[in-house]
């Protein structure tokens, strides 16, 4: 089953729609609501085309360049008619030609977005308010050395069964300033990939 967290969408729904109700009660009763991305940290995650990241995989010793080929800004709507400000983008790998879809909403950045509200694996959220959530372990680093330099405000998010990586365990290291800094993948507790950032260009 997918790691469908949908913190930006489902946290709000859980407070408004996941109530004990009697038969025939309308879960979506009330005015439609618009939810904006208010976090300045998350606003910095609105990466656009011409952004790219160059990684070295320390396990396979391969180089990969990942770039954003398209992006879209607007609103997504849930089944209750609530609207969520969103920024979605697609990345493509020069090494494997693998494409990945992302969406940014008020609850964070989600990988594996398939166009439906609440889909995807939450790999980053506001650094200052981040804490662990279902199937995810979160660690905050004020500063972390990666490849050849220190990066500030890095979030380490561990996903036990990452559907975007064949249900292997993933560990994502990210910050809002530079995005995806390191990605470790484990299969049967063995490290099979560790992509570490070497260079990047970020366009917002």
Protein backbone atom coordinates (compact mmCIF):
# COMPACT_ATOMS: atom_id res chain seq x y z
CA UNK A 1 0.00 0.00 0.00
CA UNK A 2 1.27 3.44 -0.83
CA UNK A 3 2.71 5.71 1.83
CA UNK A 4 -0.10 8.18 1.30
CA UNK A 5 0.41 10.73 4.02
CA UNK A 6 -1.17 13.88 2.58
CA UNK A 7 -0.24 15.96 5.63
CA UNK A 8 -1.05 19.17 3.82
CA UNK A 9 -4.44 17.88 2.82
CA UNK A 10 -5.43 15.11 5.17
CA UNK A 11 -4.45 16.76 8.45
CA UNK A 12 -7.03 19.40 7.76
CA UNK A 13 -9.52 16.77 6.64
CA UNK A 14 -9.00 14.77 9.80
CA UNK A 15 -9.97 17.75 11.89
CA UNK A 16 -12.96 18.63 9.74
CA UNK A 17 -14.20 15.38 8.22
CA UNK A 18 -13.04 12.47 10.40
CA UNK A 19 -15.69 12.90 13.06
CA UNK A 20 -18.04 10.30 14.47
CA UNK A 21 -21.23 10.91 12.58
CA UNK A 22 -24.72 9.53 12.41
CA UNK A 23 -26.05 7.90 9.22
CA UNK A 24 -26.97 10.44 6.57
CA UNK A 25 -24.76 13.17 8.03
CA UNK A 26 -22.95 15.24 5.41
CA UNK A 27 -19.22 15.07 6.20
CA UNK A 28 -18.56 18.03 3.92
CA UNK A 29 -21.24 20.34 5.29
CA UNK A 30 -20.11 23.92 5.59
CA UNK A 31 -18.44 26.55 3.46
CA UNK A 32 -15.67 25.56 1.06
CA UNK A 33 -12.28 26.67 2.36
CA UNK A 34 -9.11 27.82 0.61
CA UNK A 35 -5.84 26.71 2.26
CA UNK A 36 -2.70 28.63 1.32
CA UNK A 37 0.98 27.77 1.71
CA UNK A 38 1.75 30.17 4.55
CA UNK A 39 5.13 28.81 5.68
CA UNK A 40 8.05 30.90 4.40
CA UNK A 41 10.21 27.76 4.59
CA UNK A 42 7.84 25.86 2.30
CA UNK A 43 7.48 28.85 -0.03
CA UNK A 44 11.19 28.39 -0.74
CA UNK A 45 10.44 24.89 -2.11
CA UNK A 46 8.71 26.27 -5.21
CA UNK A 47 11.44 25.04 -7.56
CA UNK A 48 11.00 25.75 -11.26
CA UNK A 49 12.42 24.72 -14.62
CA UNK A 50 16.17 25.25 -15.10
CA UNK A 51 16.71 23.97 -11.55
CA UNK A 52 19.00 20.94 -11.48
CA UNK A 53 20.95 18.80 -9.03
CA UNK A 54 24.06 16.73 -9.82
CA UNK A 55 24.63 13.66 -7.62
CA UNK A 56 27.23 10.97 -7.17
CA UNK A 57 26.04 7.57 -6.02
CA UNK A 58 28.67 6.38 -3.55
CA UNK A 59 27.55 2.75 -3.97
CA UNK A 60 27.57 2.45 -7.77
CA UNK A 61 30.01 5.35 -8.33
CA UNK A 62 27.72 6.81 -11.01
CA UNK A 63 26.92 10.46 -11.71
CA UNK A 64 23.33 11.58 -12.21
CA UNK A 65 21.91 14.97 -13.13
CA UNK A 66 18.29 15.55 -12.12
CA UNK A 67 16.46 18.53 -13.58
CA UNK A 68 12.97 20.00 -13.49
CA UNK A 69 11.33 19.68 -16.88
CA UNK A 70 7.97 21.28 -16.03
CA UNK A 71 6.03 22.89 -13.21
CA UNK A 72 2.53 24.13 -12.47
CA UNK A 73 1.08 26.45 -9.85
CA UNK A 74 -2.54 26.60 -8.84
CA UNK A 75 -4.97 24.85 -6.54
CA UNK A 76 -5.98 21.24 -5.92
CA UNK A 77 -9.50 20.46 -4.73
CA UNK A 78 -10.51 17.64 -2.35
CA UNK A 79 -13.80 15.72 -2.29
CA UNK A 80 -15.29 18.27 0.12
CA UNK A 81 -14.64 21.12 -2.32
CA UNK A 82 -11.83 22.64 -0.25
CA UNK A 83 -9.04 24.21 -2.30
CA UNK A 84 -5.35 23.89 -1.51
CA UNK A 85 -2.67 26.13 -2.95
CA UNK A 86 -0.17 23.89 -4.71
CA UNK A 87 3.06 23.97 -6.66
CA UNK A 88 3.76 20.78 -8.62
CA UNK A 89 6.78 19.88 -10.71
CA UNK A 90 8.32 16.94 -12.56
CA UNK A 91 12.00 15.97 -12.44
CA UNK A 92 13.86 13.77 -14.90
CA UNK A 93 17.10 11.86 -14.42
CA UNK A 94 19.78 12.10 -17.11
CA UNK A 95 21.23 8.74 -16.04
CA UNK A 96 18.11 6.59 -15.96
CA UNK A 97 15.54 8.91 -17.66
CA UNK A 98 13.38 8.21 -14.59
CA UNK A 99 10.72 10.89 -14.04
CA UNK A 100 9.31 11.79 -10.63
CA UNK A 101 6.33 13.98 -9.82
CA UNK A 102 6.18 16.25 -6.76
CA UNK A 103 3.60 18.53 -5.21
CA UNK A 104 4.02 21.20 -2.57
CA UNK A 105 1.01 22.06 -0.38
CA UNK A 106 0.60 23.62 3.05
CA UNK A 107 1.66 20.40 4.80
CA UNK A 108 4.89 19.89 2.89
CA UNK A 109 6.53 18.48 -0.21
CA UNK A 110 5.25 15.12 -1.51
CA UNK A 111 7.01 12.76 -3.94
CA UNK A 112 5.00 10.47 -6.20
CA UNK A 113 2.03 12.80 -6.62
CA UNK A 114 -0.45 11.20 -9.04
CA UNK A 115 -2.90 14.06 -9.47
CA UNK A 116 -5.22 13.14 -6.60
CA UNK A 117 -5.55 15.08 -3.36
CA UNK A 118 -3.42 13.63 -0.57
CA UNK A 119 -1.30 11.35 -2.76
CA UNK A 120 2.44 10.89 -2.51
CA UNK A 121 5.13 10.33 0.11
CA UNK A 122 5.81 13.31 2.34
CA UNK A 123 9.58 13.90 2.13
CA UNK A 124 9.82 17.45 3.52
CA UNK A 125 7.78 19.77 5.71
CA UNK A 126 8.40 23.09 7.46
CA UNK A 127 11.77 22.63 9.20
CA UNK A 128 10.84 24.75 12.19
CA UNK A 129 7.67 22.83 13.06
CA UNK A 130 8.61 19.37 11.76
CA UNK A 131 8.06 16.28 13.89
CA UNK A 132 7.71 12.54 13.22
CA UNK A 133 4.48 11.26 11.69
CA UNK A 134 2.93 7.95 10.62
CA UNK A 135 5.50 5.59 9.02
CA UNK A 136 8.06 8.41 9.01
CA UNK A 137 10.88 9.18 11.41
CA UNK A 138 12.06 12.79 11.29
CA UNK A 139 15.33 14.26 12.56
CA UNK A 140 16.28 17.94 12.33
CA UNK A 141 19.87 19.10 11.85
CA UNK A 142 20.77 22.75 12.35
CA UNK A 143 23.84 22.03 10.21
CA UNK A 144 24.95 18.91 8.35
CA UNK A 145 28.08 18.21 6.27
CA UNK A 146 27.25 16.70 2.88
CA UNK A 147 29.90 15.98 0.22
CA UNK A 148 32.06 19.11 0.48
CA UNK A 149 30.18 21.66 2.59
CA UNK A 150 27.78 22.29 5.43
CA UNK A 151 24.07 22.82 4.81
CA UNK A 152 21.79 24.50 7.35
CA UNK A 153 18.32 23.42 8.51
CA UNK A 154 18.41 19.92 7.05
CA UNK A 155 15.47 17.57 7.57
CA UNK A 156 16.14 13.84 7.62
CA UNK A 157 12.96 11.91 6.77
CA UNK A 158 13.01 8.11 6.97
CA UNK A 159 10.27 6.26 5.10
CA UNK A 160 9.94 2.56 5.98
CA UNK A 161 8.19 1.45 2.78
CA UNK A 162 8.66 4.05 0.06
CA UNK A 163 6.34 3.17 -2.83
CA UNK A 164 8.33 5.52 -5.09
CA UNK A 165 11.39 3.29 -4.55
CA UNK A 166 9.89 -0.21 -4.97
CA UNK A 167 8.76 -0.22 -1.33
CA UNK A 168 12.35 -0.12 -0.10
CA UNK A 169 13.32 1.99 2.89
CA UNK A 170 14.30 5.54 1.90
CA UNK A 171 16.04 8.24 3.88
CA UNK A 172 15.75 11.75 2.45
CA UNK A 173 17.98 14.65 3.49
CA UNK A 174 16.57 17.99 2.29
CA UNK A 175 16.35 21.66 3.07
CA UNK A 176 14.23 24.33 1.46
CA UNK A 177 17.16 26.41 0.24
CA UNK A 178 18.74 23.76 -1.99
CA UNK A 179 16.19 20.96 -2.07
CA UNK A 180 17.29 17.34 -2.34
CA UNK A 181 20.71 16.93 -0.71
CA UNK A 182 21.06 13.19 -0.18
CA UNK A 183 18.94 10.09 -0.71
CA UNK A 184 19.76 6.69 0.83
CA UNK A 185 17.90 3.53 -0.25
CA UNK A 186 17.98 0.25 1.68
CA UNK A 187 16.83 -3.19 0.61
CA UNK A 188 16.64 -5.84 3.36
CA UNK A 189 18.66 -3.49 5.61
CA UNK A 190 21.45 -3.25 3.03
CA UNK A 191 22.38 0.14 1.59
CA UNK A 192 21.93 -0.19 -2.18
CA UNK A 193 22.10 3.48 -3.20
CA UNK A 194 23.36 6.69 -1.67
CA UNK A 195 23.04 9.70 -3.93
CA UNK A 196 24.91 12.72 -2.59
CA UNK A 197 24.66 16.21 -4.05
CA UNK A 198 27.76 17.70 -5.69
CA UNK A 199 26.40 20.70 -7.59
CA UNK A 200 23.06 22.45 -7.98
CA UNK A 201 21.32 25.40 -9.58
CA UNK A 202 18.03 26.45 -7.97
CA UNK A 203 15.45 28.57 -9.77
CA UNK A 204 12.30 29.81 -8.02
